[in-house]
Amino acid sequence: MIDKKNCTEKCCGKCCSPKHYGGSSSSAVYGIGIIGAAFYYFPHITNLTGFFLAVGKSLVWPAMLVYQALSLLKL
């Protein structure tokens, strides 16, 4: 059992129990981005390999976006 007073002191007023789940708005934006990327990549699928590539690209599109932005800025 987790001591509530000790828990809030260690975690800056928030409970650290494993049952406490907190999301952020960035998770929702990332999820919507995955769905949007899937709608972009999925019409181009012609075989099973294309399906797996589309799923992979849909999941890692933010990394590709940041890489391209930094390469254009030459950072």
C-alpha atoms as a PDB file:
ATOM      1  CA  MET A   1       0.000   0.000   0.000  1.00  0.00           C
ATOM      2  CA  ILE A   2       1.325   3.431  -0.928  1.00  0.00           C
ATOM      3  CA  ASP A   3       1.380   6.092   1.779  1.00  0.00           C
ATOM      4  CA  LYS A   4      -0.543   9.005   0.237  1.00  0.00           C
ATOM      5  CA  LYS A   5       1.291  11.738   2.192  1.00  0.00           C
ATOM      6  CA  ASN A   6       4.751  10.343   1.394  1.00  0.00           C
ATOM      7  CA  CYS A   7       3.747   9.836  -2.233  1.00  0.00           C
ATOM      8  CA  THR A   8       2.656  13.432  -2.793  1.00  0.00           C
ATOM      9  CA  GLU A   9       5.765  14.838  -1.106  1.00  0.00           C
ATOM     10  CA  LYS A  10       8.099  12.897  -3.397  1.00  0.00           C
ATOM     11  CA  CYS A  11       6.184  13.619  -6.601  1.00  0.00           C
ATOM     12  CA  CYS A  12       5.549  17.365  -6.311  1.00  0.00           C
ATOM     13  CA  GLY A  13       1.900  17.046  -5.343  1.00  0.00           C
ATOM     14  CA  LYS A  14       1.040  14.274  -7.799  1.00  0.00           C
ATOM     15  CA  CYS A  15       0.503  10.690  -6.794  1.00  0.00           C
ATOM     16  CA  CYS A  16       3.115   8.250  -8.121  1.00  0.00           C
ATOM     17  CA  SER A  17       1.076   5.078  -7.816  1.00  0.00           C
ATOM     18  CA  PRO A  18       1.130   2.720 -10.797  1.00  0.00           C
ATOM     19  CA  LYS A  19      -2.640   3.134 -11.126  1.00  0.00           C
ATOM     20  CA  HIS A  20      -2.287   6.864 -11.786  1.00  0.00           C
ATOM     21  CA  TYR A  21      -2.244   7.429 -15.527  1.00  0.00           C
ATOM     22  CA  GLY A  22      -1.823  10.876 -16.924  1.00  0.00           C
ATOM     23  CA  GLY A  23      -1.708  11.768 -20.571  1.00  0.00           C
ATOM     24  CA  SER A  24      -0.867  14.971 -22.246  1.00  0.00           C
ATOM     25  CA  SER A  25      -2.242  16.853 -25.187  1.00  0.00           C
ATOM     26  CA  SER A  26       0.819  15.924 -27.228  1.00  0.00           C
ATOM     27  CA  SER A  27      -0.280  12.286 -27.079  1.00  0.00           C
ATOM     28  CA  ALA A  28      -3.581  13.213 -28.695  1.00  0.00           C
ATOM     29  CA  VAL A  29      -1.858  15.287 -31.379  1.00  0.00           C
ATOM     30  CA  TYR A  30       0.556  12.440 -32.113  1.00  0.00           C
ATOM     31  CA  GLY A  31      -2.364   9.992 -32.349  1.00  0.00           C
ATOM     32  CA  ILE A  32      -4.233  12.225 -34.777  1.00  0.00           C
ATOM     33  CA  GLY A  33      -1.014  12.592 -36.771  1.00  0.00           C
ATOM     34  CA  ILE A  34      -0.654   8.814 -37.007  1.00  0.00           C
ATOM     35  CA  ILE A  35      -4.191   8.525 -38.329  1.00  0.00           C
ATOM     36  CA  GLY A  36      -3.572  11.314 -40.839  1.00  0.00           C
ATOM     37  CA  ALA A  37      -0.319   9.722 -41.992  1.00  0.00           C
ATOM     38  CA  ALA A  38      -2.097   6.388 -42.371  1.00  0.00           C
ATOM     39  CA  PHE A  39      -4.711   8.028 -44.611  1.00  0.00           C
ATOM     40  CA  TYR A  40      -1.875   9.472 -46.674  1.00  0.00           C
ATOM     41  CA  TYR A  41       0.195   6.274 -47.018  1.00  0.00           C
ATOM     42  CA  PHE A  42      -2.509   3.588 -47.226  1.00  0.00           C
ATOM     43  CA  PRO A  43      -3.963   4.442 -50.682  1.00  0.00           C
ATOM     44  CA  HIS A  44      -0.550   3.722 -52.218  1.00  0.00           C
ATOM     45  CA  ILE A  45      -0.412   0.115 -50.973  1.00  0.00           C
ATOM     46  CA  THR A  46      -0.087  -2.528 -53.691  1.00  0.00           C
ATOM     47  CA  ASN A  47       1.128  -5.563 -51.704  1.00  0.00           C
ATOM     48  CA  LEU A  48       1.776  -6.867 -48.192  1.00  0.00           C
ATOM     49  CA  THR A  49       5.217  -5.273 -48.021  1.00  0.00           C
ATOM     50  CA  GLY A  50       3.662  -1.929 -48.863  1.00  0.00           C
ATOM     51  CA  PHE A  51       1.219  -2.401 -45.983  1.00  0.00           C
ATOM     52  CA  PHE A  52       4.021  -2.912 -43.466  1.00  0.00           C
ATOM     53  CA  LEU A  53       5.942   0.056 -44.889  1.00  0.00           C
ATOM     54  CA  ALA A  54       2.841   2.244 -44.598  1.00  0.00           C
ATOM     55  CA  VAL A  55       2.306   1.226 -40.969  1.00  0.00           C
ATOM     56  CA  GLY A  56       5.974   1.873 -40.150  1.00  0.00           C
ATOM     57  CA  LYS A  57       6.015   5.242 -41.897  1.00  0.00           C
ATOM     58  CA  SER A  58       2.804   6.233 -40.127  1.00  0.00           C
ATOM     59  CA  LEU A  59       4.402   5.556 -36.744  1.00  0.00           C
ATOM     60  CA  VAL A  60       7.727   7.317 -37.352  1.00  0.00           C
ATOM     61  CA  TRP A  61       6.623  10.353 -39.390  1.00  0.00           C
ATOM     62  CA  PRO A  62       7.541  12.862 -36.637  1.00  0.00           C
ATOM     63  CA  ALA A  63      11.150  11.670 -36.659  1.00  0.00           C
ATOM     64  CA  MET A  64      11.299  12.035 -40.451  1.00  0.00           C
ATOM     65  CA  LEU A  65       9.746  15.507 -40.200  1.00  0.00           C
ATOM     66  CA  VAL A  66      12.257  16.721 -37.614  1.00  0.00           C
ATOM     67  CA  TYR A  67      15.188  15.230 -39.563  1.00  0.00           C
ATOM     68  CA  GLN A  68      14.121  16.979 -42.771  1.00  0.00           C
ATOM     69  CA  ALA A  69      13.511  20.278 -40.961  1.00  0.00           C
ATOM     70  CA  LEU A  70      16.942  20.195 -39.327  1.00  0.00           C
ATOM     71  CA  SER A  71      18.648  19.238 -42.576  1.00  0.00           C
ATOM     72  CA  LEU A  72      16.960  22.169 -44.352  1.00  0.00           C
ATOM     73  CA  LEU A  73      18.103  24.503 -41.586  1.00  0.00           C
ATOM     74  CA  LYS A  74      21.577  22.947 -41.768  1.00  0.00           C
ATOM     75  CA  LEU A  75      21.743  22.383 -38.013  1.00  0.00           C
END
